[in-house]
Amino acid sequence: MVARLPRAVVDAPTADAQRYVDALTLALTEGRILGGEGQLLARLAGSAGIGADQVEALHRRCLGHLRATALEDAILTTGQLRQLKTVASGLGLPDFFDDLRPTSPQDLMAARLR
C-alpha cells in the first residue's frame, strides 16, 4: 500500500516537514519502523524544530492517505488490516484503524447485488 502512495504524501508546510514525511514514507516501505529508522525520524524532527503535535499531525495525514489507498480496493484483507494497524501502532496511533474491518463474503455479495 505504501508503494502506491502519491510521491508527495502530504502537503507539508515546510521543506523540513516534507523531508520528515519523505523519510517516514521510506521507512514504512518495510511495513514497520525499525529502531534506527525511528531514531533518524526523531533526529530529523528535532533538527527541523518539528514539535510533537506537528509530528502527530503528519503521522495522521500519512495514515489517512494509507487508509484511502487501502479502501480503493474492493477487498480489505485481514493481512492488510493487520499491516495498517502495525504501522499505526508504530507511529503512536494504535487506534487509528479501529473502525476498519476486513471485507467479509457478505460484503462482497452485497456489492455484487448493487
PDB file of N, CA and C in Angstrom:
ATOM      1  N   MET A   1       0.822  -1.201   0.000  1.00  0.00           N
ATOM      2  CA  MET A   1       0.000   0.000   0.000  1.00  0.00           C
ATOM      3  C   MET A   1       0.860   1.255   0.000  1.00  0.00           C
ATOM      4  N   VAL A   2       1.961   1.210   0.753  1.00  0.00           N
ATOM      5  CA  VAL A   2       2.833   2.386   0.822  1.00  0.00           C
ATOM      6  C   VAL A   2       3.393   2.707  -0.557  1.00  0.00           C
ATOM      7  N   ALA A   3       3.720   1.685  -1.325  1.00  0.00           N
ATOM      8  CA  ALA A   3       4.293   1.915  -2.649  1.00  0.00           C
ATOM      9  C   ALA A   3       3.315   2.638  -3.571  1.00  0.00           C
ATOM     10  N   ARG A   4       2.015   2.538  -3.298  1.00  0.00           N
ATOM     11  CA  ARG A   4       1.021   3.179  -4.152  1.00  0.00           C
ATOM     12  C   ARG A   4       0.661   4.592  -3.694  1.00  0.00           C
ATOM     13  N   LEU A   5       1.284   5.063  -2.628  1.00  0.00           N
ATOM     14  CA  LEU A   5       1.015   6.433  -2.169  1.00  0.00           C
ATOM     15  C   LEU A   5       1.548   7.433  -3.181  1.00  0.00           C
ATOM     16  N   PRO A   6       0.909   8.598  -3.252  1.00  0.00           N
ATOM     17  CA  PRO A   6       1.467   9.638  -4.124  1.00  0.00           C
ATOM     18  C   PRO A   6       2.842  10.057  -3.619  1.00  0.00           C
ATOM     19  N   ARG A   7       3.679  10.546  -4.515  1.00  0.00           N
ATOM     20  CA  ARG A   7       5.047  10.922  -4.146  1.00  0.00           C
ATOM     21  C   ARG A   7       5.047  11.955  -3.026  1.00  0.00           C
ATOM     22  N   ALA A   8       4.247  12.976  -3.124  1.00  0.00           N
ATOM     23  CA  ALA A   8       4.102  13.951  -2.034  1.00  0.00           C
ATOM     24  C   ALA A   8       2.906  13.492  -1.201  1.00  0.00           C
ATOM     25  N   VAL A   9       3.192  12.794  -0.125  1.00  0.00           N
ATOM     26  CA  VAL A   9       2.134  12.187   0.674  1.00  0.00           C
ATOM     27  C   VAL A   9       1.256  13.228   1.338  1.00  0.00           C
ATOM     28  N   VAL A  10       1.868  14.236   1.829  1.00  0.00           N
ATOM     29  CA  VAL A  10       1.102  15.314   2.464  1.00  0.00           C
ATOM     30  C   VAL A  10       1.612  16.629   1.919  1.00  0.00           C
ATOM     31  N   ASP A  11       0.809  17.619   2.032  1.00  0.00           N
ATOM     32  CA  ASP A  11       1.262  18.961   1.688  1.00  0.00           C
ATOM     33  C   ASP A  11       1.953  19.524   2.916  1.00  0.00           C
ATOM     34  N   ALA A  12       3.187  19.127   3.085  1.00  0.00           N
ATOM     35  CA  ALA A  12       3.933  19.552   4.261  1.00  0.00           C
ATOM     36  C   ALA A  12       4.143  21.062   4.210  1.00  0.00           C
ATOM     37  N   PRO A  13       3.945  21.734   5.325  1.00  0.00           N
ATOM     38  CA  PRO A  13       4.033  23.191   5.336  1.00  0.00           C
ATOM     39  C   PRO A  13       5.433  23.743   5.121  1.00  0.00           C
ATOM     40  N   THR A  14       6.444  22.938   5.362  1.00  0.00           N
ATOM     41  CA  THR A  14       7.814  23.418   5.178  1.00  0.00           C
ATOM     42  C   THR A  14       8.644  22.329   4.516  1.00  0.00           C
ATOM     43  N   ALA A  15       9.791  22.729   4.007  1.00  0.00           N
ATOM     44  CA  ALA A  15      10.697  21.757   3.396  1.00  0.00           C
ATOM     45  C   ALA A  15      11.165  20.746   4.445  1.00  0.00           C
ATOM     46  N   ASP A  16      11.378  21.199   5.685  1.00  0.00           N
ATOM     47  CA  ASP A  16      11.812  20.287   6.742  1.00  0.00           C
ATOM     48  C   ASP A  16      10.736  19.245   7.029  1.00  0.00           C
ATOM     49  N   ALA A  17       9.494  19.664   7.073  1.00  0.00           N
ATOM     50  CA  ALA A  17       8.403  18.727   7.297  1.00  0.00           C
ATOM     51  C   ALA A  17       8.306  17.743   6.136  1.00  0.00           C
ATOM     52  N   GLN A  18       8.528  18.212   4.921  1.00  0.00           N
ATOM     53  CA  GLN A  18       8.481  17.316   3.771  1.00  0.00           C
ATOM     54  C   GLN A  18       9.613  16.302   3.831  1.00  0.00           C
ATOM     55  N   ARG A  19      10.804  16.734   4.287  1.00  0.00           N
ATOM     56  CA  ARG A  19      11.908  15.783   4.446  1.00  0.00           C
ATOM     57  C   ARG A  19      11.531  14.705   5.469  1.00  0.00           C
ATOM     58  N   TYR A  20      10.874  15.128   6.539  1.00  0.00           N
ATOM     59  CA  TYR A  20      10.428  14.170   7.559  1.00  0.00           C
ATOM     60  C   TYR A  20       9.438  13.177   6.941  1.00  0.00           C
ATOM     61  N   VAL A  21       8.476  13.677   6.197  1.00  0.00           N
ATOM     62  CA  VAL A  21       7.466  12.821   5.566  1.00  0.00           C
ATOM     63  C   VAL A  21       8.118  11.880   4.559  1.00  0.00           C
ATOM     64  N   ASP A  22       9.077  12.373   3.797  1.00  0.00           N
ATOM     65  CA  ASP A  22       9.781  11.523   2.838  1.00  0.00           C
ATOM     66  C   ASP A  22      10.507  10.383   3.561  1.00  0.00           C
ATOM     67  N   ALA A  23      11.195  10.706   4.656  1.00  0.00           N
ATOM     68  CA  ALA A  23      11.910   9.689   5.427  1.00  0.00           C
ATOM     69  C   ALA A  23      10.920   8.705   6.058  1.00  0.00           C
ATOM     70  N   LEU A  24       9.795   9.213   6.520  1.00  0.00           N
ATOM     71  CA  LEU A  24       8.762   8.366   7.109  1.00  0.00           C
ATOM     72  C   LEU A  24       8.211   7.402   6.058  1.00  0.00           C
ATOM     73  N   THR A  25       7.915   7.907   4.884  1.00  0.00           N
ATOM     74  CA  THR A  25       7.383   7.067   3.808  1.00  0.00           C
ATOM     75  C   THR A  25       8.379   5.982   3.433  1.00  0.00           C
ATOM     76  N   LEU A  26       9.645   6.342   3.343  1.00  0.00           N
ATOM     77  CA  LEU A  26      10.687   5.363   3.036  1.00  0.00           C
ATOM     78  C   LEU A  26      10.767   4.294   4.124  1.00  0.00           C
ATOM     79  N   ALA A  27      10.708   4.721   5.383  1.00  0.00           N
ATOM     80  CA  ALA A  27      10.768   3.776   6.499  1.00  0.00           C
ATOM     81  C   ALA A  27       9.578   2.822   6.473  1.00  0.00           C
ATOM     82  N   LEU A  28       8.430   3.308   6.055  1.00  0.00           N
ATOM     83  CA  LEU A  28       7.216   2.489   6.072  1.00  0.00           C
ATOM     84  C   LEU A  28       7.147   1.482   4.926  1.00  0.00           C
ATOM     85  N   THR A  29       8.060   1.558   3.983  1.00  0.00           N
ATOM     86  CA  THR A  29       8.025   0.591   2.887  1.00  0.00           C
ATOM     87  C   THR A  29       8.226  -0.835   3.392  1.00  0.00           C
ATOM     88  N   GLU A  30       8.833  -0.983   4.547  1.00  0.00           N
ATOM     89  CA  GLU A  30       9.003  -2.309   5.153  1.00  0.00           C
ATOM     90  C   GLU A  30       7.778  -2.706   5.974  1.00  0.00           C
ATOM     91  N   GLY A  31       6.820  -1.796   6.135  1.00  0.00           N
ATOM     92  CA  GLY A  31       5.616  -2.110   6.895  1.00  0.00           C
ATOM     93  C   GLY A  31       5.710  -1.791   8.371  1.00  0.00           C
ATOM     94  N   ARG A  32       6.869  -1.382   8.792  1.00  0.00           N
ATOM     95  CA  ARG A  32       7.049  -1.002  10.202  1.00  0.00           C
ATOM     96  C   ARG A  32       8.306  -0.154  10.307  1.00  0.00           C
ATOM     97  N   ILE A  33       8.429   0.518  11.415  1.00  0.00           N
ATOM     98  CA  ILE A  33       9.596   1.366  11.634  1.00  0.00           C
ATOM     99  C   ILE A  33      10.535   0.643  12.585  1.00  0.00           C
ATOM    100  N   LEU A  34      11.734   0.401  12.109  1.00  0.00           N
ATOM    101  CA  LEU A  34      12.735  -0.271  12.925  1.00  0.00           C
ATOM    102  C   LEU A  34      13.472   0.745  13.781  1.00  0.00           C
ATOM    103  N   GLY A  35      14.240   0.294  14.759  1.00  0.00           N
ATOM    104  CA  GLY A  35      14.902   1.160  15.719  1.00  0.00           C
ATOM    105  C   GLY A  35      15.695   2.302  15.120  1.00  0.00           C
ATOM    106  N   GLY A  36      16.588   1.990  14.184  1.00  0.00           N
ATOM    107  CA  GLY A  36      17.420   3.031  13.572  1.00  0.00           C
ATOM    108  C   GLY A  36      16.596   4.042  12.807  1.00  0.00           C
ATOM    109  N   GLU A  37      15.530   3.558  12.165  1.00  0.00           N
ATOM    110  CA  GLU A  37      14.665   4.469  11.414  1.00  0.00           C
ATOM    111  C   GLU A  37      13.921   5.417  12.358  1.00  0.00           C
ATOM    112  N   GLY A  38      13.492   4.893  13.484  1.00  0.00           N
ATOM    113  CA  GLY A  38      12.824   5.737  14.477  1.00  0.00           C
ATOM    114  C   GLY A  38      13.754   6.815  15.004  1.00  0.00           C
ATOM    115  N   GLN A  39      15.011   6.445  15.226  1.00  0.00           N
ATOM    116  CA  GLN A  39      15.995   7.416  15.697  1.00  0.00           C
ATOM    117  C   GLN A  39      16.253   8.482  14.648  1.00  0.00           C
ATOM    118  N   LEU A  40      16.354   8.068  13.391  1.00  0.00           N
ATOM    119  CA  LEU A  40      16.561   9.026  12.309  1.00  0.00           C
ATOM    120  C   LEU A  40      15.379   9.992  12.224  1.00  0.00           C
ATOM    121  N   LEU A  41      14.173   9.474  12.304  1.00  0.00           N
ATOM    122  CA  LEU A  41      12.986  10.331  12.253  1.00  0.00           C
ATOM    123  C   LEU A  41      12.974  11.316  13.421  1.00  0.00           C
ATOM    124  N   ALA A  42      13.322  10.840  14.591  1.00  0.00           N
ATOM    125  CA  ALA A  42      13.361  11.722  15.763  1.00  0.00           C
ATOM    126  C   ALA A  42      14.402  12.824  15.576  1.00  0.00           C
ATOM    127  N   ARG A  43      15.571  12.468  15.033  1.00  0.00           N
ATOM    128  CA  ARG A  43      16.606  13.481  14.784  1.00  0.00           C
ATOM    129  C   ARG A  43      16.144  14.487  13.733  1.00  0.00           C
ATOM    130  N   LEU A  44      15.513  13.999  12.668  1.00  0.00           N
ATOM    131  CA  LEU A  44      15.003  14.905  11.640  1.00  0.00           C
ATOM    132  C   LEU A  44      13.993  15.886  12.222  1.00  0.00           C
ATOM    133  N   ALA A  45      13.073  15.369  12.999  1.00  0.00           N
ATOM    134  CA  ALA A  45      12.059  16.233  13.603  1.00  0.00           C
ATOM    135  C   ALA A  45      12.712  17.241  14.541  1.00  0.00           C
ATOM    136  N   GLY A  46      13.635  16.754  15.372  1.00  0.00           N
ATOM    137  CA  GLY A  46      14.296  17.642  16.325  1.00  0.00           C
ATOM    138  C   GLY A  46      15.103  18.732  15.652  1.00  0.00           C
ATOM    139  N   SER A  47      15.881  18.361  14.636  1.00  0.00           N
ATOM    140  CA  SER A  47      16.720  19.364  13.973  1.00  0.00           C
ATOM    141  C   SER A  47      15.887  20.346  13.157  1.00  0.00           C
ATOM    142  N   ALA A  48      14.704  19.921  12.734  1.00  0.00           N
ATOM    143  CA  ALA A  48      13.837  20.809  11.957  1.00  0.00           C
ATOM    144  C   ALA A  48      12.935  21.654  12.856  1.00  0.00           C
ATOM    145  N   GLY A  49      12.979  21.388  14.154  1.00  0.00           N
ATOM    146  CA  GLY A  49      12.114  22.138  15.062  1.00  0.00           C
ATOM    147  C   GLY A  49      10.651  21.730  14.963  1.00  0.00           C
ATOM    148  N   ILE A  50      10.422  20.503  14.502  1.00  0.00           N
ATOM    149  CA  ILE A  50       9.049  19.996  14.393  1.00  0.00           C
ATOM    150  C   ILE A  50       8.670  19.409  15.744  1.00  0.00           C
ATOM    151  N   GLY A  51       7.648  19.968  16.356  1.00  0.00           N
ATOM    152  CA  GLY A  51       7.221  19.531  17.679  1.00  0.00           C
ATOM    153  C   GLY A  51       6.353  18.289  17.637  1.00  0.00           C
ATOM    154  N   ALA A  52       6.063  17.769  18.827  1.00  0.00           N
ATOM    155  CA  ALA A  52       5.280  16.535  18.961  1.00  0.00           C
ATOM    156  C   ALA A  52       3.906  16.653  18.307  1.00  0.00           C
ATOM    157  N   ASP A  53       3.247  17.798  18.461  1.00  0.00           N
ATOM    158  CA  ASP A  53       1.921  17.974  17.858  1.00  0.00           C
ATOM    159  C   ASP A  53       2.007  17.953  16.333  1.00  0.00           C
ATOM    160  N   GLN A  54       3.047  18.578  15.802  1.00  0.00           N
ATOM    161  CA  GLN A  54       3.228  18.579  14.348  1.00  0.00           C
ATOM    162  C   GLN A  54       3.555  17.183  13.833  1.00  0.00           C
ATOM    163  N   VAL A  55       4.388  16.449  14.556  1.00  0.00           N
ATOM    164  CA  VAL A  55       4.722  15.078  14.164  1.00  0.00           C
ATOM    165  C   VAL A  55       3.466  14.229  14.157  1.00  0.00           C
ATOM    166  N   GLU A  56       2.656  14.351  15.188  1.00  0.00           N
ATOM    167  CA  GLU A  56       1.412  13.575  15.241  1.00  0.00           C
ATOM    168  C   GLU A  56       0.495  13.940  14.076  1.00  0.00           C
ATOM    169  N   ALA A  57       0.403  15.212  13.757  1.00  0.00           N
ATOM    170  CA  ALA A  57      -0.441  15.637  12.633  1.00  0.00           C
ATOM    171  C   ALA A  57       0.082  15.051  11.322  1.00  0.00           C
ATOM    172  N   LEU A  58       1.401  15.048  11.137  1.00  0.00           N
ATOM    173  CA  LEU A  58       1.983  14.457   9.935  1.00  0.00           C
ATOM    174  C   LEU A  58       1.707  12.954   9.883  1.00  0.00           C
ATOM    175  N   HIS A  59       1.817  12.293  11.035  1.00  0.00           N
ATOM    176  CA  HIS A  59       1.524  10.862  11.092  1.00  0.00           C
ATOM    177  C   HIS A  59       0.060  10.601  10.737  1.00  0.00           C
ATOM    178  N   ARG A  60      -0.840  11.404  11.275  1.00  0.00           N
ATOM    179  CA  ARG A  60      -2.268  11.232  10.979  1.00  0.00           C
ATOM    180  C   ARG A  60      -2.547  11.424   9.485  1.00  0.00           C
ATOM    181  N   ARG A  61      -1.906  12.396   8.894  1.00  0.00           N
ATOM    182  CA  ARG A  61      -2.125  12.644   7.468  1.00  0.00           C
ATOM    183  C   ARG A  61      -1.583  11.492   6.624  1.00  0.00           C
ATOM    184  N   CYS A  62      -0.420  10.983   6.980  1.00  0.00           N
ATOM    185  CA  CYS A  62       0.131   9.833   6.262  1.00  0.00           C
ATOM    186  C   CYS A  62      -0.776   8.613   6.422  1.00  0.00           C
ATOM    187  N   LEU A  63      -1.254   8.382   7.634  1.00  0.00           N
ATOM    188  CA  LEU A  63      -2.151   7.250   7.864  1.00  0.00           C
ATOM    189  C   LEU A  63      -3.476   7.444   7.123  1.00  0.00           C
ATOM    190  N   GLY A  64      -3.919   8.673   7.025  1.00  0.00           N
ATOM    191  CA  GLY A  64      -5.134   8.952   6.260  1.00  0.00           C
ATOM    192  C   GLY A  64      -4.962   8.602   4.800  1.00  0.00           C
ATOM    193  N   HIS A  65      -3.782   8.884   4.257  1.00  0.00           N
ATOM    194  CA  HIS A  65      -3.502   8.514   2.872  1.00  0.00           C
ATOM    195  C   HIS A  65      -3.427   6.986   2.726  1.00  0.00           C
ATOM    196  N   LEU A  66      -2.847   6.313   3.713  1.00  0.00           N
ATOM    197  CA  LEU A  66      -2.809   4.850   3.670  1.00  0.00           C
ATOM    198  C   LEU A  66      -4.224   4.276   3.701  1.00  0.00           C
ATOM    199  N   ARG A  67      -5.097   4.880   4.528  1.00  0.00           N
ATOM    200  CA  ARG A  67      -6.494   4.444   4.609  1.00  0.00           C
ATOM    201  C   ARG A  67      -7.156   4.580   3.238  1.00  0.00           C
ATOM    202  N   ALA A  68      -7.005   5.730   2.632  1.00  0.00           N
ATOM    203  CA  ALA A  68      -7.632   5.971   1.329  1.00  0.00           C
ATOM    204  C   ALA A  68      -7.116   4.981   0.291  1.00  0.00           C
ATOM    205  N   THR A  69      -5.817   4.716   0.314  1.00  0.00           N
ATOM    206  CA  THR A  69      -5.230   3.766  -0.628  1.00  0.00           C
ATOM    207  C   THR A  69      -5.776   2.365  -0.392  1.00  0.00           C
ATOM    208  N   ALA A  70      -5.872   1.960   0.864  1.00  0.00           N
ATOM    209  CA  ALA A  70      -6.389   0.623   1.187  1.00  0.00           C
ATOM    210  C   ALA A  70      -7.843   0.474   0.765  1.00  0.00           C
ATOM    211  N   LEU A  71      -8.619   1.529   0.910  1.00  0.00           N
ATOM    212  CA  LEU A  71     -10.042   1.452   0.598  1.00  0.00           C
ATOM    213  C   LEU A  71     -10.346   1.608  -0.890  1.00  0.00           C
ATOM    214  N   GLU A  72      -9.327   1.909  -1.697  1.00  0.00           N
ATOM    215  CA  GLU A  72      -9.529   1.969  -3.145  1.00  0.00           C
ATOM    216  C   GLU A  72      -9.868   0.594  -3.702  1.00  0.00           C
ATOM    217  N   ASP A  73      -9.350  -0.444  -3.067  1.00  0.00           N
ATOM    218  CA  ASP A  73      -9.637  -1.807  -3.499  1.00  0.00           C
ATOM    219  C   ASP A  73     -10.988  -2.240  -2.949  1.00  0.00           C
ATOM    220  N   ALA A  74     -11.626  -3.154  -3.644  1.00  0.00           N
ATOM    221  CA  ALA A  74     -12.917  -3.664  -3.201  1.00  0.00           C
ATOM    222  C   ALA A  74     -12.777  -4.568  -1.985  1.00  0.00           C
ATOM    223  N   ILE A  75     -11.569  -5.087  -1.782  1.00  0.00           N
ATOM    224  CA  ILE A  75     -11.361  -6.045  -0.700  1.00  0.00           C
ATOM    225  C   ILE A  75     -10.257  -5.546   0.227  1.00  0.00           C
ATOM    226  N   LEU A  76     -10.542  -5.584   1.520  1.00  0.00           N
ATOM    227  CA  LEU A  76      -9.543  -5.296   2.549  1.00  0.00           C
ATOM    228  C   LEU A  76      -9.339  -6.593   3.314  1.00  0.00           C
ATOM    229  N   THR A  77      -8.173  -7.194   3.152  1.00  0.00           N
ATOM    230  CA  THR A  77      -7.912  -8.484   3.783  1.00  0.00           C
ATOM    231  C   THR A  77      -7.508  -8.312   5.244  1.00  0.00           C
ATOM    232  N   THR A  78      -7.578  -9.415   5.955  1.00  0.00           N
ATOM    233  CA  THR A  78      -7.133  -9.415   7.352  1.00  0.00           C
ATOM    234  C   THR A  78      -5.661  -9.050   7.440  1.00  0.00           C
ATOM    235  N   GLY A  79      -4.855  -9.570   6.507  1.00  0.00           N
ATOM    236  CA  GLY A  79      -3.419  -9.260   6.493  1.00  0.00           C
ATOM    237  C   GLY A  79      -3.147  -7.789   6.246  1.00  0.00           C
ATOM    238  N   GLN A  80      -3.890  -7.190   5.314  1.00  0.00           N
ATOM    239  CA  GLN A  80      -3.713  -5.761   5.045  1.00  0.00           C
ATOM    240  C   GLN A  80      -4.099  -4.938   6.273  1.00  0.00           C
ATOM    241  N   LEU A  81      -5.188  -5.314   6.905  1.00  0.00           N
ATOM    242  CA  LEU A  81      -5.620  -4.583   8.095  1.00  0.00           C
ATOM    243  C   LEU A  81      -4.600  -4.726   9.213  1.00  0.00           C
ATOM    244  N   ARG A  82      -4.050  -5.912   9.371  1.00  0.00           N
ATOM    245  CA  ARG A  82      -3.014  -6.128  10.386  1.00  0.00           C
ATOM    246  C   ARG A  82      -1.807  -5.233  10.102  1.00  0.00           C
ATOM    247  N   GLN A  83      -1.417  -5.126   8.825  1.00  0.00           N
ATOM    248  CA  GLN A  83      -0.290  -4.279   8.452  1.00  0.00           C
ATOM    249  C   GLN A  83      -0.594  -2.815   8.749  1.00  0.00           C
ATOM    250  N   LEU A  84      -1.794  -2.366   8.416  1.00  0.00           N
ATOM    251  CA  LEU A  84      -2.180  -0.979   8.710  1.00  0.00           C
ATOM    252  C   LEU A  84      -2.102  -0.703  10.207  1.00  0.00           C
ATOM    253  N   LYS A  85      -2.601  -1.637  11.005  1.00  0.00           N
ATOM    254  CA  LYS A  85      -2.591  -1.447  12.456  1.00  0.00           C
ATOM    255  C   LYS A  85      -1.179  -1.471  13.023  1.00  0.00           C
ATOM    256  N   THR A  86      -0.304  -2.296  12.433  1.00  0.00           N
ATOM    257  CA  THR A  86       1.095  -2.335  12.869  1.00  0.00           C
ATOM    258  C   THR A  86       1.768  -0.990  12.605  1.00  0.00           C
ATOM    259  N   VAL A  87       1.524  -0.443  11.410  1.00  0.00           N
ATOM    260  CA  VAL A  87       2.095   0.862  11.061  1.00  0.00           C
ATOM    261  C   VAL A  87       1.564   1.938  12.006  1.00  0.00           C
ATOM    262  N   ALA A  88       0.254   1.955  12.218  1.00  0.00           N
ATOM    263  CA  ALA A  88      -0.351   2.970  13.091  1.00  0.00           C
ATOM    264  C   ALA A  88       0.192   2.868  14.506  1.00  0.00           C
ATOM    265  N   SER A  89       0.348   1.655  14.984  1.00  0.00           N
ATOM    266  CA  SER A  89       0.892   1.464  16.325  1.00  0.00           C
ATOM    267  C   SER A  89       2.326   1.964  16.403  1.00  0.00           C
ATOM    268  N   GLY A  90       3.110   1.688  15.371  1.00  0.00           N
ATOM    269  CA  GLY A  90       4.494   2.154  15.328  1.00  0.00           C
ATOM    270  C   GLY A  90       4.602   3.666  15.299  1.00  0.00           C
ATOM    271  N   LEU A  91       3.551   4.321  14.815  1.00  0.00           N
ATOM    272  CA  LEU A  91       3.547   5.787  14.768  1.00  0.00           C
ATOM    273  C   LEU A  91       2.876   6.401  15.992  1.00  0.00           C
ATOM    274  N   GLY A  92       2.565   5.548  16.971  1.00  0.00           N
ATOM    275  CA  GLY A  92       1.984   6.049  18.208  1.00  0.00           C
ATOM    276  C   GLY A  92       0.486   6.318  18.136  1.00  0.00           C
ATOM    277  N   LEU A  93      -0.173   5.764  17.110  1.00  0.00           N
ATOM    278  CA  LEU A  93      -1.620   5.959  16.944  1.00  0.00           C
ATOM    279  C   LEU A  93      -2.288   4.597  16.766  1.00  0.00           C
ATOM    280  N   PRO A  94      -2.216   3.738  17.812  1.00  0.00           N
ATOM    281  CA  PRO A  94      -2.667   2.354  17.660  1.00  0.00           C
ATOM    282  C   PRO A  94      -4.154   2.189  17.340  1.00  0.00           C
ATOM    283  N   ASP A  95      -4.966   3.169  17.644  1.00  0.00           N
ATOM    284  CA  ASP A  95      -6.411   3.058  17.418  1.00  0.00           C
ATOM    285  C   ASP A  95      -6.866   3.644  16.087  1.00  0.00           C
ATOM    286  N   PHE A  96      -5.943   4.122  15.274  1.00  0.00           N
ATOM    287  CA  PHE A  96      -6.301   4.865  14.066  1.00  0.00           C
ATOM    288  C   PHE A  96      -7.195   4.080  13.115  1.00  0.00           C
ATOM    289  N   PHE A  97      -6.967   2.788  12.985  1.00  0.00           N
ATOM    290  CA  PHE A  97      -7.735   1.976  12.040  1.00  0.00           C
ATOM    291  C   PHE A  97      -8.763   1.072  12.714  1.00  0.00           C
ATOM    292  N   ASP A  98      -9.102   1.361  13.971  1.00  0.00           N
ATOM    293  CA  ASP A  98     -10.036   0.502  14.700  1.00  0.00           C
ATOM    294  C   ASP A  98     -11.425   0.437  14.070  1.00  0.00           C
ATOM    295  N   ASP A  99     -11.779   1.414  13.270  1.00  0.00           N
ATOM    296  CA  ASP A  99     -13.106   1.413  12.645  1.00  0.00           C
ATOM    297  C   ASP A  99     -13.162   0.535  11.395  1.00  0.00           C
ATOM    298  N   LEU A 100     -12.028   0.085  10.900  1.00  0.00           N
ATOM    299  CA  LEU A 100     -11.995  -0.750   9.696  1.00  0.00           C
ATOM    300  C   LEU A 100     -12.162  -2.217  10.052  1.00  0.00           C
ATOM    301  N   ARG A 101     -12.821  -2.934   9.170  1.00  0.00           N
ATOM    302  CA  ARG A 101     -12.998  -4.375   9.303  1.00  0.00           C
ATOM    303  C   ARG A 101     -12.611  -5.026   7.979  1.00  0.00           C
ATOM    304  N   PRO A 102     -12.083  -6.261   8.026  1.00  0.00           N
ATOM    305  CA  PRO A 102     -11.791  -6.949   6.769  1.00  0.00           C
ATOM    306  C   PRO A 102     -13.085  -7.158   5.986  1.00  0.00           C
ATOM    307  N   THR A 103     -12.962  -7.221   4.692  1.00  0.00           N
ATOM    308  CA  THR A 103     -14.113  -7.457   3.836  1.00  0.00           C
ATOM    309  C   THR A 103     -14.603  -8.886   4.061  1.00  0.00           C
ATOM    310  N   SER A 104     -15.884  -9.031   4.304  1.00  0.00           N
ATOM    311  CA  SER A 104     -16.471 -10.352   4.530  1.00  0.00           C
ATOM    312  C   SER A 104     -17.114 -10.857   3.236  1.00  0.00           C
ATOM    313  N   PRO A 105     -17.386 -12.149   3.158  1.00  0.00           N
ATOM    314  CA  PRO A 105     -18.113 -12.667   1.995  1.00  0.00           C
ATOM    315  C   PRO A 105     -19.468 -11.979   1.811  1.00  0.00           C
ATOM    316  N   GLN A 106     -20.115 -11.630   2.917  1.00  0.00           N
ATOM    317  CA  GLN A 106     -21.401 -10.934   2.843  1.00  0.00           C
ATOM    318  C   GLN A 106     -21.242  -9.560   2.204  1.00  0.00           C
ATOM    319  N   ASP A 107     -20.127  -8.883   2.527  1.00  0.00           N
ATOM    320  CA  ASP A 107     -19.858  -7.575   1.919  1.00  0.00           C
ATOM    321  C   ASP A 107     -19.693  -7.714   0.411  1.00  0.00           C
ATOM    322  N   LEU A 108     -18.993  -8.757  -0.008  1.00  0.00           N
ATOM    323  CA  LEU A 108     -18.775  -8.982  -1.430  1.00  0.00           C
ATOM    324  C   LEU A 108     -20.086  -9.285  -2.150  1.00  0.00           C
ATOM    325  N   MET A 109     -20.934 -10.105  -1.517  1.00  0.00           N
ATOM    326  CA  MET A 109     -22.239 -10.427  -2.120  1.00  0.00           C
ATOM    327  C   MET A 109     -23.096  -9.178  -2.242  1.00  0.00           C
ATOM    328  N   ALA A 110     -23.105  -8.350  -1.209  1.00  0.00           N
ATOM    329  CA  ALA A 110     -23.887  -7.110  -1.222  1.00  0.00           C
ATOM    330  C   ALA A 110     -23.398  -6.190  -2.332  1.00  0.00           C
ATOM    331  N   ALA A 111     -22.077  -6.120  -2.531  1.00  0.00           N
ATOM    332  CA  ALA A 111     -21.503  -5.270  -3.572  1.00  0.00           C
ATOM    333  C   ALA A 111     -21.890  -5.776  -4.956  1.00  0.00           C
ATOM    334  N   ARG A 112     -21.944  -7.071  -5.123  1.00  0.00           N
ATOM    335  CA  ARG A 112     -22.326  -7.647  -6.421  1.00  0.00           C
ATOM    336  C   ARG A 112     -23.794  -7.387  -6.745  1.00  0.00           C
ATOM    337  N   LEU A 113     -24.627  -7.332  -5.724  1.00  0.00           N
ATOM    338  CA  LEU A 113     -26.054  -7.131  -5.928  1.00  0.00           C
ATOM    339  C   LEU A 113     -26.407  -5.685  -6.271  1.00  0.00           C
ATOM    340  N   ARG A 114     -25.485  -4.778  -6.029  1.00  0.00           N
ATOM    341  CA  ARG A 114     -25.757  -3.355  -6.295  1.00  0.00           C
ATOM    342  C   ARG A 114     -25.704  -3.051  -7.738  1.00  0.00           C
TER     343      ARG A 114
END
